[in-house]
Amino acid sequence: MQNRQPNPSRRSFFAGAATAGAAAAAVVALPHVAPSESVVSDAPRPAPEKGGGYHLSAHVKQYYKTTQL
């Protein structure tokens, strides 16, 4: 009695094709999102002379919101 398994390269081909098809369908199905005004940053600040330079920007505030439990 022989125990034959499908060729692994054929299996990986079909798995890759299914993944690519699902990704393409997701891209088409998602609505086009225009960048909101909050994403657009202000004019870049000049670099500080003595190092540092941390400031609380909209990007940092958004990150802090995502880390709250």
C-alpha atoms as a PDB file:
ATOM      1  CA  MET A   1       0.000   0.000   0.000  1.00  0.00           C
ATOM      2  CA  GLN A   2       1.488   3.292  -1.069  1.00  0.00           C
ATOM      3  CA  ASN A   3       0.966   6.504   0.829  1.00  0.00           C
ATOM      4  CA  ARG A   4       1.234   9.281  -1.770  1.00  0.00           C
ATOM      5  CA  GLN A   5       1.163  12.915  -0.797  1.00  0.00           C
ATOM      6  CA  PRO A   6       0.656  15.763  -3.262  1.00  0.00           C
ATOM      7  CA  ASN A   7       3.743  17.418  -4.632  1.00  0.00           C
ATOM      8  CA  PRO A   8       4.740  20.176  -2.140  1.00  0.00           C
ATOM      9  CA  SER A   9       5.631  22.634  -4.905  1.00  0.00           C
ATOM     10  CA  ARG A  10       2.158  22.253  -6.390  1.00  0.00           C
ATOM     11  CA  ARG A  11       0.581  22.724  -2.970  1.00  0.00           C
ATOM     12  CA  SER A  12       2.600  25.880  -2.319  1.00  0.00           C
ATOM     13  CA  PHE A  13       1.680  27.230  -5.762  1.00  0.00           C
ATOM     14  CA  PHE A  14      -2.048  26.938  -5.062  1.00  0.00           C
ATOM     15  CA  ALA A  15      -1.655  28.369  -1.555  1.00  0.00           C
ATOM     16  CA  GLY A  16       0.248  31.354  -2.977  1.00  0.00           C
ATOM     17  CA  ALA A  17      -2.330  31.863  -5.706  1.00  0.00           C
ATOM     18  CA  ALA A  18      -5.143  31.844  -3.148  1.00  0.00           C
ATOM     19  CA  THR A  19      -3.300  34.337  -0.954  1.00  0.00           C
ATOM     20  CA  ALA A  20      -2.613  36.670  -3.881  1.00  0.00           C
ATOM     21  CA  GLY A  21      -6.245  36.473  -4.969  1.00  0.00           C
ATOM     22  CA  ALA A  22      -7.502  37.278  -1.475  1.00  0.00           C
ATOM     23  CA  ALA A  23      -5.119  40.227  -1.207  1.00  0.00           C
ATOM     24  CA  ALA A  24      -6.219  41.586  -4.582  1.00  0.00           C
ATOM     25  CA  ALA A  25      -9.881  41.261  -3.627  1.00  0.00           C
ATOM     26  CA  ALA A  26      -9.257  43.083  -0.347  1.00  0.00           C
ATOM     27  CA  VAL A  27      -7.516  45.975  -2.107  1.00  0.00           C
ATOM     28  CA  VAL A  28     -10.375  46.363  -4.566  1.00  0.00           C
ATOM     29  CA  ALA A  29     -13.055  46.083  -1.869  1.00  0.00           C
ATOM     30  CA  LEU A  30     -11.552  48.675   0.475  1.00  0.00           C
ATOM     31  CA  PRO A  31     -12.777  52.218  -0.068  1.00  0.00           C
ATOM     32  CA  HIS A  32     -10.313  54.864  -1.128  1.00  0.00           C
ATOM     33  CA  VAL A  33      -9.297  56.764   1.999  1.00  0.00           C
ATOM     34  CA  ALA A  34      -8.253  60.366   1.570  1.00  0.00           C
ATOM     35  CA  PRO A  35      -5.704  61.593   4.096  1.00  0.00           C
ATOM     36  CA  SER A  36      -7.394  63.540   6.832  1.00  0.00           C
ATOM     37  CA  GLU A  37      -6.215  66.957   7.890  1.00  0.00           C
ATOM     38  CA  SER A  38      -4.990  65.633  11.228  1.00  0.00           C
ATOM     39  CA  VAL A  39      -2.494  63.384   9.434  1.00  0.00           C
ATOM     40  CA  VAL A  40      -0.931  66.299   7.584  1.00  0.00           C
ATOM     41  CA  SER A  41       1.779  67.634   9.850  1.00  0.00           C
ATOM     42  CA  ASP A  42       2.745  71.225  10.437  1.00  0.00           C
ATOM     43  CA  ALA A  43       5.874  72.707   8.945  1.00  0.00           C
ATOM     44  CA  PRO A  44       8.944  70.829  10.182  1.00  0.00           C
ATOM     45  CA  ARG A  45      10.578  72.402  13.184  1.00  0.00           C
ATOM     46  CA  PRO A  46      14.263  73.256  13.069  1.00  0.00           C
ATOM     47  CA  ALA A  47      16.564  70.784  14.798  1.00  0.00           C
ATOM     48  CA  PRO A  48      17.529  71.816  18.337  1.00  0.00           C
ATOM     49  CA  GLU A  49      21.106  72.938  18.792  1.00  0.00           C
ATOM     50  CA  LYS A  50      21.791  70.977  21.975  1.00  0.00           C
ATOM     51  CA  GLY A  51      20.102  67.673  21.125  1.00  0.00           C
ATOM     52  CA  GLY A  52      16.763  66.406  22.360  1.00  0.00           C
ATOM     53  CA  GLY A  53      13.951  67.645  20.236  1.00  0.00           C
ATOM     54  CA  TYR A  54      11.045  65.567  21.518  1.00  0.00           C
ATOM     55  CA  HIS A  55       7.707  67.306  21.118  1.00  0.00           C
ATOM     56  CA  LEU A  56       4.163  66.064  21.523  1.00  0.00           C
ATOM     57  CA  SER A  57       2.849  65.919  17.966  1.00  0.00           C
ATOM     58  CA  ALA A  58      -0.425  64.576  16.603  1.00  0.00           C
ATOM     59  CA  HIS A  59       1.371  61.384  15.602  1.00  0.00           C
ATOM     60  CA  VAL A  60       2.671  60.832  19.139  1.00  0.00           C
ATOM     61  CA  LYS A  61      -0.763  61.594  20.637  1.00  0.00           C
ATOM     62  CA  GLN A  62      -2.345  58.998  18.328  1.00  0.00           C
ATOM     63  CA  TYR A  63       0.229  56.429  19.414  1.00  0.00           C
ATOM     64  CA  TYR A  64      -0.480  57.111  23.071  1.00  0.00           C
ATOM     65  CA  LYS A  65      -4.219  56.618  22.434  1.00  0.00           C
ATOM     66  CA  THR A  66      -3.561  53.186  20.902  1.00  0.00           C
ATOM     67  CA  THR A  67      -1.540  52.025  23.914  1.00  0.00           C
ATOM     68  CA  GLN A  68      -4.225  52.760  26.507  1.00  0.00           C
ATOM     69  CA  LEU A  69      -6.070  49.766  27.881  1.00  0.00           C
END
